[in-house]
Amino acid sequence: EIANEHIARQSEMALMYSEEKFHNVIAQATDGILISDEHGIITDWNKAAEQITGIPKSKTVGLHYRDLQNMLGSEASSPETGVNAPVETTPAAFQTGDAPWINQSLDYQIQRPDGTRRFIQKVTFPIKTEKGHMIGSILRDITERKRAEDILFEEKERAQVTLHSIGDAVITTSVDSIVEYLNPVAENLTGWKMEEAVGLPLTDVFQVIEEGTRKPAPNPVERCLKEGRIVGLPRHSILLSRDGREFSIADTAAPIRDRQQEVTGVVLVFHDVTEERRLSLQVAH
């Protein structure tokens, strides 16, 4: 009996040590960490979580997870994520690993008590302990990343609007001469819609011949990629539209470079000079 008591005491001490170690890891983590039981009641909340949300541990421990979400006014950044998924999942589904939200990364927008709004990323995972199943969540502040993404999106939108508005035709390609973008003028001259052309080799969309010989003209994109500089088509080049029309065109192809000056693609700019050619021939005549 004494031996059994000693073993029980050792097990109890080991459990206490293990729990203390676990709580120390949580407390010192740089990411926000919250722990709740399988019913959604919060049992632990570290310092980083306090800093991210602006809510002290004393106001969270003992709360239901749903109450915390209401307190933060949290909104999933996309409708399919399902804000209340963890607290709506049954304990049985959680224990068997069938809960769809386990180990899923979800983005939320929260409003802190001081009124500031932040974006956080949350990953929820199961924890199996001697006392039963628990739920752990890692919180990470991604506000600056979201702002950078928004700025990048705005710049891209501005570039797209600009390309849509200019009078010249514009086609962009990858370094493999695969079409990535056509503006409306390019769609009209080539006869290809952007959604149809993207992903195709440029030679399928931009078919150009020499006016005198009717032979294929040199590919300006290939030459641009090879020489790494702005190049143009030979004079008297004709674009064969997909619908059978023919346009006399003048064009330039310029390399697209990243910040490291590495070529990442080519932008092809061309315009219809059919009328100018006709008038030129008339004057010559």
Protein backbone atom coordinates (compact mmCIF):
# COMPACT_ATOMS: atom_id res chain seq x y z
CA GLU A 1 0.00 0.00 0.00
CA ILE A 2 2.85 2.38 0.85
CA ALA A 3 4.49 1.54 -2.49
CA ASN A 4 1.25 2.29 -4.33
CA GLU A 5 0.94 5.63 -2.53
CA HIS A 6 4.55 6.43 -3.46
CA ILE A 7 3.90 5.61 -7.14
CA ALA A 8 0.71 7.70 -7.10
CA ARG A 9 2.62 10.60 -5.53
CA GLN A 10 5.37 10.33 -8.17
CA SER A 11 2.76 10.33 -10.94
CA GLU A 12 1.09 13.38 -9.41
CA MET A 13 4.43 15.21 -9.21
CA ALA A 14 5.27 14.30 -12.80
CA LEU A 15 1.87 15.57 -13.92
CA MET A 16 2.34 18.84 -12.02
CA TYR A 17 5.82 19.25 -13.52
CA SER A 18 4.51 18.52 -16.99
CA GLU A 19 1.65 21.03 -16.59
CA GLU A 20 4.01 23.68 -15.19
CA LYS A 21 6.36 23.17 -18.13
CA PHE A 22 3.44 23.39 -20.55
CA HIS A 23 2.19 26.66 -19.00
CA ASN A 24 5.73 28.14 -19.04
CA VAL A 25 6.04 27.42 -22.76
CA ILE A 26 2.69 29.12 -23.38
CA ALA A 27 3.60 32.13 -21.25
CA GLN A 28 6.91 32.73 -23.04
CA ALA A 29 5.65 32.20 -26.60
CA THR A 30 5.90 35.22 -28.93
CA ASP A 31 2.63 34.29 -30.65
CA GLY A 32 -0.66 34.69 -28.85
CA ILE A 33 -1.86 31.37 -27.41
CA LEU A 34 -5.18 30.55 -25.83
CA ILE A 35 -6.26 27.20 -24.42
CA SER A 36 -9.85 26.12 -23.88
CA ASP A 37 -11.52 22.89 -22.87
CA GLU A 38 -13.50 20.81 -25.35
CA HIS A 39 -16.65 22.79 -24.50
CA GLY A 40 -15.06 26.11 -25.49
CA ILE A 41 -14.31 27.49 -21.99
CA ILE A 42 -10.99 29.39 -21.98
CA THR A 43 -8.50 28.05 -19.43
CA ASP A 44 -5.28 29.84 -20.39
CA TRP A 45 -4.32 33.08 -22.18
CA ASN A 46 -0.72 34.23 -22.58
CA LYS A 47 0.90 37.68 -22.55
CA ALA A 48 1.25 37.82 -26.34
CA ALA A 49 -2.51 37.20 -26.71
CA GLU A 50 -3.11 40.12 -24.34
CA GLN A 51 -0.93 42.40 -26.47
CA ILE A 52 -2.55 41.34 -29.75
CA THR A 53 -6.16 41.64 -28.58
CA GLY A 54 -5.80 44.30 -25.87
CA ILE A 55 -7.70 42.05 -23.44
CA PRO A 56 -6.02 40.94 -20.18
CA LYS A 57 -5.98 37.30 -19.09
CA SER A 58 -8.13 38.12 -16.06
CA LYS A 59 -11.05 38.96 -18.38
CA THR A 60 -10.79 35.89 -20.58
CA VAL A 61 -10.18 32.85 -18.39
CA GLY A 62 -13.53 31.22 -17.66
CA LEU A 63 -15.23 32.85 -20.66
CA HIS A 64 -16.82 30.78 -23.39
CA TYR A 65 -14.96 31.11 -26.69
CA ARG A 66 -18.10 32.58 -28.30
CA ASP A 67 -18.18 35.34 -25.68
CA LEU A 68 -14.59 36.26 -26.52
CA GLN A 69 -15.45 36.50 -30.21
CA ASN A 70 -18.38 38.78 -29.38
CA MET A 71 -16.12 40.88 -27.17
CA LEU A 72 -13.67 41.35 -30.05
CA GLY A 73 -16.36 41.79 -32.69
CA SER A 74 -14.34 39.36 -34.79
CA GLU A 75 -15.24 38.79 -38.41
CA ALA A 76 -13.77 36.16 -40.67
CA SER A 77 -12.09 37.84 -43.63
CA SER A 78 -13.84 35.44 -46.02
CA PRO A 79 -17.39 34.07 -45.60
CA GLU A 80 -16.42 30.43 -46.02
CA THR A 81 -14.20 30.37 -42.93
CA GLY A 82 -17.04 30.16 -40.40
CA VAL A 83 -16.32 32.30 -37.35
CA ASN A 84 -18.13 30.12 -34.81
CA ALA A 85 -16.88 26.76 -36.06
CA PRO A 86 -14.90 25.77 -32.92
CA VAL A 87 -17.71 26.32 -30.42
CA GLU A 88 -20.33 24.72 -32.66
CA THR A 89 -18.36 21.48 -33.06
CA THR A 90 -19.43 18.63 -30.80
CA PRO A 91 -16.91 17.13 -28.30
CA ALA A 92 -17.24 13.77 -30.08
CA ALA A 93 -16.21 15.27 -33.42
CA PHE A 94 -13.31 17.02 -31.72
CA GLN A 95 -12.03 13.84 -30.03
CA THR A 96 -12.17 11.80 -33.22
CA GLY A 97 -10.47 14.53 -35.25
CA ASP A 98 -13.48 15.00 -37.53
CA ALA A 99 -13.94 18.68 -36.70
CA PRO A 100 -13.36 20.59 -39.99
CA TRP A 101 -11.70 23.57 -38.29
CA ILE A 102 -8.83 21.58 -36.73
CA ASN A 103 -5.39 22.74 -37.97
CA GLN A 104 -7.06 25.20 -40.35
CA SER A 105 -5.58 28.68 -40.74
CA LEU A 106 -8.30 31.36 -40.61
CA ASP A 107 -7.95 35.16 -40.92
CA TYR A 108 -10.08 37.43 -38.75
CA GLN A 109 -10.59 41.15 -38.33
CA ILE A 110 -11.01 42.16 -34.70
CA GLN A 111 -11.77 45.38 -32.88
CA ARG A 112 -9.74 45.87 -29.71
CA PRO A 113 -11.30 47.52 -26.63
CA ASP A 114 -9.50 50.80 -27.51
CA GLY A 115 -11.35 50.87 -30.86
CA THR A 116 -8.39 49.97 -33.08
CA ARG A 117 -8.96 47.28 -35.68
CA ARG A 118 -6.40 44.53 -36.32
CA PHE A 119 -6.16 41.48 -38.54
CA ILE A 120 -5.19 38.21 -36.89
CA GLN A 121 -4.46 34.75 -38.19
CA LYS A 122 -5.67 31.86 -36.05
CA VAL A 123 -4.72 28.20 -36.19
CA THR A 124 -6.64 25.84 -33.90
CA PHE A 125 -5.34 22.41 -32.93
CA PRO A 126 -6.30 19.57 -30.55
CA ILE A 127 -4.38 18.91 -27.33
CA LYS A 128 -4.59 15.55 -25.60
CA THR A 129 -3.68 15.71 -21.91
CA GLU A 130 -3.91 13.41 -18.90
CA LYS A 131 -7.03 15.35 -17.93
CA GLY A 132 -8.70 14.92 -21.30
CA HIS A 133 -9.01 16.77 -24.60
CA MET A 134 -8.40 20.50 -24.88
CA ILE A 135 -8.35 23.05 -27.71
CA GLY A 136 -5.33 25.23 -28.46
CA SER A 137 -5.29 28.30 -30.71
CA ILE A 138 -2.30 30.28 -31.97
CA LEU A 139 -3.00 33.96 -32.70
CA ARG A 140 -0.71 36.00 -34.93
CA ASP A 141 -1.07 39.71 -35.75
CA ILE A 142 -0.98 40.01 -39.57
CA THR A 143 -2.18 43.62 -39.81
CA GLU A 144 0.99 44.90 -41.49
CA ARG A 145 0.93 42.02 -43.97
CA LYS A 146 -2.71 42.80 -44.80
CA ARG A 147 -1.87 46.47 -45.31
CA ALA A 148 0.98 45.55 -47.65
CA GLU A 149 -1.36 43.23 -49.57
CA ASP A 150 -3.95 46.02 -49.85
CA ILE A 151 -1.33 48.48 -51.15
CA LEU A 152 -0.11 45.90 -53.66
CA PHE A 153 -3.69 45.19 -54.76
CA GLU A 154 -4.39 48.91 -55.21
CA GLU A 155 -1.22 49.34 -57.29
CA LYS A 156 -2.15 46.36 -59.43
CA GLU A 157 -5.68 47.71 -59.91
CA ARG A 158 -4.30 51.12 -60.86
CA ALA A 159 -1.95 49.50 -63.39
CA GLN A 160 -4.81 47.43 -64.85
CA VAL A 161 -7.03 50.51 -65.18
CA THR A 162 -4.18 52.39 -66.88
CA LEU A 163 -3.52 49.58 -69.35
CA HIS A 164 -7.25 49.30 -70.07
CA SER A 165 -7.48 53.03 -70.76
CA ILE A 166 -4.55 53.68 -73.10
CA GLY A 167 -5.01 53.74 -76.86
CA ASP A 168 -2.25 51.25 -77.71
CA ALA A 169 -2.67 47.49 -77.64
CA VAL A 170 -0.79 45.80 -74.78
CA ILE A 171 0.10 42.15 -74.31
CA THR A 172 2.26 40.88 -71.44
CA THR A 173 3.95 37.48 -71.41
CA SER A 174 6.03 35.34 -69.11
CA VAL A 175 9.69 34.56 -69.80
CA ASP A 176 8.41 31.49 -71.62
CA SER A 177 6.40 33.67 -74.04
CA ILE A 178 3.10 32.57 -72.47
CA VAL A 179 0.34 35.21 -72.63
CA GLU A 180 -0.56 36.67 -69.22
CA TYR A 181 -2.61 39.76 -70.11
CA LEU A 182 -4.33 41.57 -73.01
CA ASN A 183 -5.93 44.97 -72.80
CA PRO A 184 -9.16 45.75 -74.72
CA VAL A 185 -7.31 47.27 -77.71
CA ALA A 186 -5.18 44.12 -78.01
CA GLU A 187 -8.34 42.01 -77.78
CA ASN A 188 -9.88 43.98 -80.68
CA LEU A 189 -6.83 43.76 -82.95
CA THR A 190 -5.97 40.10 -82.28
CA GLY A 191 -9.57 38.87 -82.11
CA TRP A 192 -8.83 37.06 -78.83
CA LYS A 193 -10.57 37.68 -75.50
CA MET A 194 -8.20 37.82 -72.54
CA GLU A 195 -9.80 34.86 -70.75
CA GLU A 196 -9.27 32.75 -73.90
CA ALA A 197 -5.71 33.92 -74.60
CA VAL A 198 -4.17 33.74 -71.12
CA GLY A 199 -1.99 30.64 -70.84
CA LEU A 200 -1.50 30.26 -74.60
CA PRO A 201 1.83 30.69 -76.41
CA LEU A 202 2.17 34.22 -77.81
CA THR A 203 2.51 32.86 -81.36
CA ASP A 204 -1.05 31.51 -81.13
CA VAL A 205 -2.45 34.95 -80.31
CA PHE A 206 -0.05 37.40 -81.95
CA GLN A 207 0.45 36.17 -85.53
CA VAL A 208 2.49 38.60 -87.60
CA ILE A 209 3.72 38.31 -91.21
CA GLU A 210 5.90 40.44 -93.47
CA GLU A 211 3.81 42.50 -95.88
CA GLY A 212 5.86 41.76 -99.01
CA THR A 213 6.71 38.08 -98.60
CA ARG A 214 3.72 37.00 -96.47
CA LYS A 215 6.21 34.99 -94.43
CA PRO A 216 6.12 34.95 -90.59
CA ALA A 217 7.82 38.00 -89.15
CA PRO A 218 10.51 37.58 -86.46
CA ASN A 219 9.01 37.19 -83.00
CA PRO A 220 9.79 40.45 -81.12
CA VAL A 221 9.28 38.84 -77.70
CA GLU A 222 11.85 36.11 -78.35
CA ARG A 223 14.32 38.71 -79.60
CA CYS A 224 13.63 40.94 -76.59
CA LEU A 225 14.24 38.05 -74.18
CA LYS A 226 17.39 37.05 -76.01
CA GLU A 227 18.90 40.54 -76.16
CA GLY A 228 17.44 41.86 -72.90
CA ARG A 229 16.49 45.22 -74.41
CA ILE A 230 13.62 47.04 -76.17
CA VAL A 231 13.14 45.80 -79.74
CA GLY A 232 10.59 46.36 -82.51
CA LEU A 233 9.06 44.58 -85.50
CA PRO A 234 10.42 45.16 -88.98
CA ARG A 235 8.60 47.83 -90.99
CA HIS A 236 5.58 46.75 -93.03
CA SER A 237 4.50 44.01 -90.60
CA ILE A 238 0.93 42.75 -90.71
CA LEU A 239 -1.04 41.30 -87.81
CA LEU A 240 -3.42 38.48 -88.75
CA SER A 241 -6.50 38.73 -86.56
CA ARG A 242 -8.25 35.60 -85.36
CA ASP A 243 -11.36 36.59 -87.33
CA GLY A 244 -9.48 37.01 -90.64
CA ARG A 245 -8.89 40.76 -90.57
CA GLU A 246 -5.43 42.16 -91.30
CA PHE A 247 -3.81 45.18 -89.65
CA SER A 248 -0.59 46.97 -90.48
CA ILE A 249 1.07 47.45 -87.10
CA ALA A 250 4.09 49.05 -85.46
CA ASP A 251 5.24 47.58 -82.16
CA THR A 252 7.89 47.48 -79.45
CA ALA A 253 8.70 44.70 -76.98
CA ALA A 254 10.34 45.62 -73.67
CA PRO A 255 11.61 43.36 -70.88
CA ILE A 256 9.79 43.42 -67.53
CA ARG A 257 12.30 43.36 -64.66
CA ASP A 258 11.90 42.80 -60.92
CA ARG A 259 13.72 44.72 -58.18
CA GLN A 260 16.79 42.54 -58.67
CA GLN A 261 16.76 43.48 -62.38
CA GLU A 262 15.95 39.92 -63.35
CA VAL A 263 13.74 39.62 -66.45
CA THR A 264 10.37 38.17 -65.43
CA GLY A 265 8.47 38.70 -68.68
CA VAL A 266 7.89 40.97 -71.67
CA VAL A 267 5.41 43.75 -72.42
CA LEU A 268 4.44 44.05 -76.08
CA VAL A 269 2.95 47.40 -77.15
CA PHE A 270 1.60 47.86 -80.66
CA HIS A 271 -0.87 49.99 -82.58
CA ASP A 272 -2.79 49.93 -85.83
CA VAL A 273 -1.04 51.94 -88.57
CA THR A 274 -3.17 50.63 -91.46
CA GLU A 275 -4.54 54.07 -92.35
CA GLU A 276 -1.11 55.70 -92.14
CA ARG A 277 0.32 53.04 -94.46
CA ARG A 278 -2.54 53.54 -96.93
CA LEU A 279 -2.01 57.29 -96.99
CA SER A 280 1.75 56.83 -97.32
CA LEU A 281 1.28 54.55 -100.34
CA GLN A 282 -1.19 57.02 -101.86
CA VAL A 283 1.29 59.87 -101.46
CA ALA A 284 4.08 57.74 -102.93
CA HIS A 285 1.85 56.90 -105.89
